[in-house]
C-alpha atoms as a PDB file:
ATOM      1  CA  SER A   1       9.967  50.823   2.337  1.00  0.00           C
ATOM      2  CA  LYS A   2      11.775  50.375   5.589  1.00  0.00           C
ATOM      3  CA  THR A   3      14.243  52.469   7.415  1.00  0.00           C
ATOM      4  CA  VAL A   4      16.651  51.041  10.081  1.00  0.00           C
ATOM      5  CA  LYS A   5      19.480  52.235  12.297  1.00  0.00           C
ATOM      6  CA  LEU A   6      22.649  50.663  11.732  1.00  0.00           C
ATOM      7  CA  ASP A   7      25.965  51.007  13.318  1.00  0.00           C
ATOM      8  CA  PHE A   8      28.611  52.116  11.069  1.00  0.00           C
ATOM      9  CA  PRO A   9      31.616  49.662  11.516  1.00  0.00           C
ATOM     10  CA  GLY A  10      34.462  50.842  13.208  1.00  0.00           C
ATOM     11  CA  TYR A  11      33.327  54.221  14.431  1.00  0.00           C
ATOM     12  CA  ALA A  12      32.012  54.002  18.177  1.00  0.00           C
ATOM     13  CA  GLY A  13      28.627  55.470  18.509  1.00  0.00           C
ATOM     14  CA  MET A  14      28.065  56.263  14.858  1.00  0.00           C
ATOM     15  CA  THR A  15      24.895  55.104  13.452  1.00  0.00           C
ATOM     16  CA  VAL A  16      23.342  55.749   9.881  1.00  0.00           C
ATOM     17  CA  ASP A  17      19.486  55.457   9.038  1.00  0.00           C
ATOM     18  CA  LEU A  18      19.265  53.712   5.815  1.00  0.00           C
ATOM     19  CA  CYS A  19      15.991  52.960   3.774  1.00  0.00           C
ATOM     20  CA  TYR A  20      15.837  49.532   2.185  1.00  0.00           C
ATOM     21  CA  LEU A  21      15.489  50.099  -1.703  1.00  0.00           C
ATOM     22  CA  ALA A  22      13.800  47.025  -3.594  1.00  0.00           C
ATOM     23  CA  ARG A  23      15.109  46.449  -7.061  1.00  0.00           C
ATOM     24  CA  GLU A  24      12.016  47.933  -8.656  1.00  0.00           C
ATOM     25  CA  GLU A  25      12.649  51.164  -6.982  1.00  0.00           C
ATOM     26  CA  LEU A  26      16.320  51.098  -7.906  1.00  0.00           C
ATOM     27  CA  VAL A  27      15.385  50.545 -11.668  1.00  0.00           C
ATOM     28  CA  LYS A  28      12.675  53.528 -11.542  1.00  0.00           C
ATOM     29  CA  LEU A  29      15.480  55.632  -9.871  1.00  0.00           C
ATOM     30  CA  ARG A  30      17.838  54.829 -12.743  1.00  0.00           C
ATOM     31  CA  LYS A  31      15.234  55.402 -15.424  1.00  0.00           C
ATOM     32  CA  LYS A  32      14.782  59.076 -14.093  1.00  0.00           C
ATOM     33  CA  CYS A  33      18.432  59.560 -14.573  1.00  0.00           C
ATOM     34  CA  VAL A  34      18.930  58.121 -18.061  1.00  0.00           C
ATOM     35  CA  THR A  35      18.503  60.084 -21.224  1.00  0.00           C
ATOM     36  CA  THR A  36      18.477  59.088 -24.738  1.00  0.00           C
ATOM     37  CA  LYS A  37      21.124  60.638 -27.183  1.00  0.00           C
ATOM     38  CA  PHE A  38      21.843  59.914 -30.653  1.00  0.00           C
ATOM     39  CA  SER A  39      25.408  58.412 -31.035  1.00  0.00           C
ATOM     40  CA  LYS A  40      27.225  59.965 -34.159  1.00  0.00           C
ATOM     41  CA  LYS A  41      29.716  56.930 -34.151  1.00  0.00           C
ATOM     42  CA  THR A  42      27.118  54.145 -34.370  1.00  0.00           C
ATOM     43  CA  ARG A  43      24.123  56.274 -35.793  1.00  0.00           C
ATOM     44  CA  GLN A  44      21.723  54.761 -33.268  1.00  0.00           C
ATOM     45  CA  PRO A  45      20.010  56.129 -30.089  1.00  0.00           C
ATOM     46  CA  GLU A  46      21.704  55.284 -26.852  1.00  0.00           C
ATOM     47  CA  GLU A  47      20.780  55.614 -23.131  1.00  0.00           C
ATOM     48  CA  VAL A  48      23.110  57.739 -21.179  1.00  0.00           C
ATOM     49  CA  LEU A  49      23.158  57.674 -17.262  1.00  0.00           C
ATOM     50  CA  ASP A  50      23.654  60.812 -15.632  1.00  0.00           C
ATOM     51  CA  GLU A  51      25.786  59.629 -12.699  1.00  0.00           C
ATOM     52  CA  ASP A  52      25.926  62.915 -10.694  1.00  0.00           C
ATOM     53  CA  LYS A  53      21.992  63.117 -10.903  1.00  0.00           C
ATOM     54  CA  PHE A  54      21.793  59.244 -10.106  1.00  0.00           C
ATOM     55  CA  LEU A  55      24.076  59.513  -7.120  1.00  0.00           C
ATOM     56  CA  LEU A  56      21.895  62.497  -5.806  1.00  0.00           C
ATOM     57  CA  GLU A  57      18.599  60.675  -6.202  1.00  0.00           C
ATOM     58  CA  TYR A  58      20.281  57.397  -4.384  1.00  0.00           C
ATOM     59  CA  CYS A  59      21.406  59.519  -1.652  1.00  0.00           C
ATOM     60  CA  LYS A  60      17.923  61.063  -1.158  1.00  0.00           C
ATOM     61  CA  SER A  61      16.270  57.486  -1.228  1.00  0.00           C
ATOM     62  CA  VAL A  62      18.210  55.683   1.084  1.00  0.00           C
ATOM     63  CA  ILE A  63      20.432  57.594   3.572  1.00  0.00           C
ATOM     64  CA  LYS A  64      17.838  59.227   5.787  1.00  0.00           C
ATOM     65  CA  GLY A  65      19.948  60.361   8.710  1.00  0.00           C
ATOM     66  CA  TRP A  66      22.923  59.614  11.139  1.00  0.00           C
ATOM     67  CA  SER A  67      23.817  60.419  14.573  1.00  0.00           C
ATOM     68  CA  GLY A  68      27.265  60.298  16.444  1.00  0.00           C
ATOM     69  CA  PHE A  69      29.138  61.276  13.241  1.00  0.00           C
ATOM     70  CA  LYS A  70      32.023  62.897  14.743  1.00  0.00           C
ATOM     71  CA  TYR A  71      34.480  65.395  12.974  1.00  0.00           C
ATOM     72  CA  ARG A  72      37.305  63.275  13.937  1.00  0.00           C
ATOM     73  CA  TYR A  73      35.612  60.439  11.885  1.00  0.00           C
ATOM     74  CA  LEU A  74      35.271  62.735   9.019  1.00  0.00           C
ATOM     75  CA  GLU A  75      39.031  63.257   8.817  1.00  0.00           C
ATOM     76  CA  GLU A  76      39.459  59.599   8.432  1.00  0.00           C
ATOM     77  CA  LEU A  77      36.953  59.241   5.592  1.00  0.00           C
ATOM     78  CA  LEU A  78      37.781  62.105   3.449  1.00  0.00           C
ATOM     79  CA  LEU A  79      40.802  64.459   3.196  1.00  0.00           C
ATOM     80  CA  VAL A  80      39.214  67.591   5.007  1.00  0.00           C
ATOM     81  CA  ASP A  81      40.492  70.449   6.954  1.00  0.00           C
ATOM     82  CA  THR A  82      38.452  70.743  10.019  1.00  0.00           C
ATOM     83  CA  GLY A  83      40.705  73.470  11.402  1.00  0.00           C
ATOM     84  CA  ASP A  84      38.826  74.985  14.237  1.00  0.00           C
ATOM     85  CA  LEU A  85      36.411  72.373  14.932  1.00  0.00           C
ATOM     86  CA  ASP A  86      36.256  70.632  17.880  1.00  0.00           C
ATOM     87  CA  PRO A  87      37.003  66.906  16.532  1.00  0.00           C
ATOM     88  CA  ASN A  88      34.334  65.455  19.121  1.00  0.00           C
ATOM     89  CA  ASP A  89      31.444  67.582  17.649  1.00  0.00           C
ATOM     90  CA  GLU A  90      29.259  65.903  15.230  1.00  0.00           C
ATOM     91  CA  LEU A  91      28.819  66.799  11.886  1.00  0.00           C
ATOM     92  CA  PRO A  92      25.236  67.617  11.149  1.00  0.00           C
ATOM     93  CA  PHE A  93      23.083  65.309   8.627  1.00  0.00           C
ATOM     94  CA  THR A  94      22.190  67.299   5.552  1.00  0.00           C
ATOM     95  CA  GLN A  95      21.688  65.803   2.099  1.00  0.00           C
ATOM     96  CA  GLU A  96      24.735  67.717   0.846  1.00  0.00           C
ATOM     97  CA  ASN A  97      26.914  65.924   3.546  1.00  0.00           C
ATOM     98  CA  ALA A  98      25.366  62.752   2.559  1.00  0.00           C
ATOM     99  CA  GLU A  99      26.220  63.390  -0.870  1.00  0.00           C
ATOM    100  CA  LEU A 100      29.736  64.567  -0.172  1.00  0.00           C
ATOM    101  CA  LEU A 101      30.478  61.448   1.658  1.00  0.00           C
ATOM    102  CA  MET A 102      29.057  59.371  -1.269  1.00  0.00           C
ATOM    103  CA  LYS A 103      30.948  61.144  -3.912  1.00  0.00           C
ATOM    104  CA  ASN A 104      34.435  61.163  -2.060  1.00  0.00           C
ATOM    105  CA  ALA A 105      34.456  58.555   0.702  1.00  0.00           C
ATOM    106  CA  THR A 106      34.989  55.311  -0.946  1.00  0.00           C
ATOM    107  CA  SER A 107      34.402  53.015   2.249  1.00  0.00           C
ATOM    108  CA  PHE A 108      31.388  54.982   3.371  1.00  0.00           C
ATOM    109  CA  ASP A 109      29.618  54.679  -0.316  1.00  0.00           C
ATOM    110  CA  THR A 110      30.777  50.937  -0.242  1.00  0.00           C
ATOM    111  CA  TRP A 111      29.331  50.322   3.094  1.00  0.00           C
ATOM    112  CA  VAL A 112      25.994  52.081   2.133  1.00  0.00           C
ATOM    113  CA  THR A 113      25.607  50.422  -1.226  1.00  0.00           C
ATOM    114  CA  GLU A 114      26.324  46.872   0.128  1.00  0.00           C
ATOM    115  CA  THR A 115      24.182  47.279   3.362  1.00  0.00           C
ATOM    116  CA  VAL A 116      21.191  48.634   1.382  1.00  0.00           C
ATOM    117  CA  GLY A 117      21.640  45.707  -0.977  1.00  0.00           C
ATOM    118  CA  ASP A 118      21.296  43.087   1.756  1.00  0.00           C
ATOM    119  CA  LEU A 119      17.818  42.387   2.782  1.00  0.00           C
ATOM    120  CA  GLU A 120      18.615  40.898   5.824  1.00  0.00           C
ATOM    121  CA  ASN A 121      19.616  44.200   7.275  1.00  0.00           C
ATOM    122  CA  PHE A 122      16.053  45.342   7.311  1.00  0.00           C
ATOM    123  CA  THR A 123      14.373  42.074   7.995  1.00  0.00           C
ATOM    124  CA  GLY A 124      15.822  41.721  11.266  1.00  0.00           C
ATOM    125  CA  ARG A 125      17.125  38.160  10.823  1.00  0.00           C
ATOM    126  CA  LYS A 126      20.793  38.641  11.172  1.00  0.00           C
END
């Protein structure tokens, strides 16, 4: 797997470290988050994806860090009260912060998913 530092569009100085996830790895990740349950309706076993677990595992696998992520950027991505915090201070990278953004900031989630899915971002051929 390869990790690259990419600029987050529209936010000066903000970069995100993303790790490429091959299709095979994505399938393995999904399998870890699927359980088989018996459906009373169809009377057949069916697979159910635990979306919260998948998101947690996906974040761990693809988001490896960030820098330049200012609190004022956070206010543009999420409905959040930064109250007494300096808008130019940086939000520290933690798995919890990454998961919060992936769950609640549609533009961040979309960008991460599209970027990780584009092999050219990791081959240097763009």
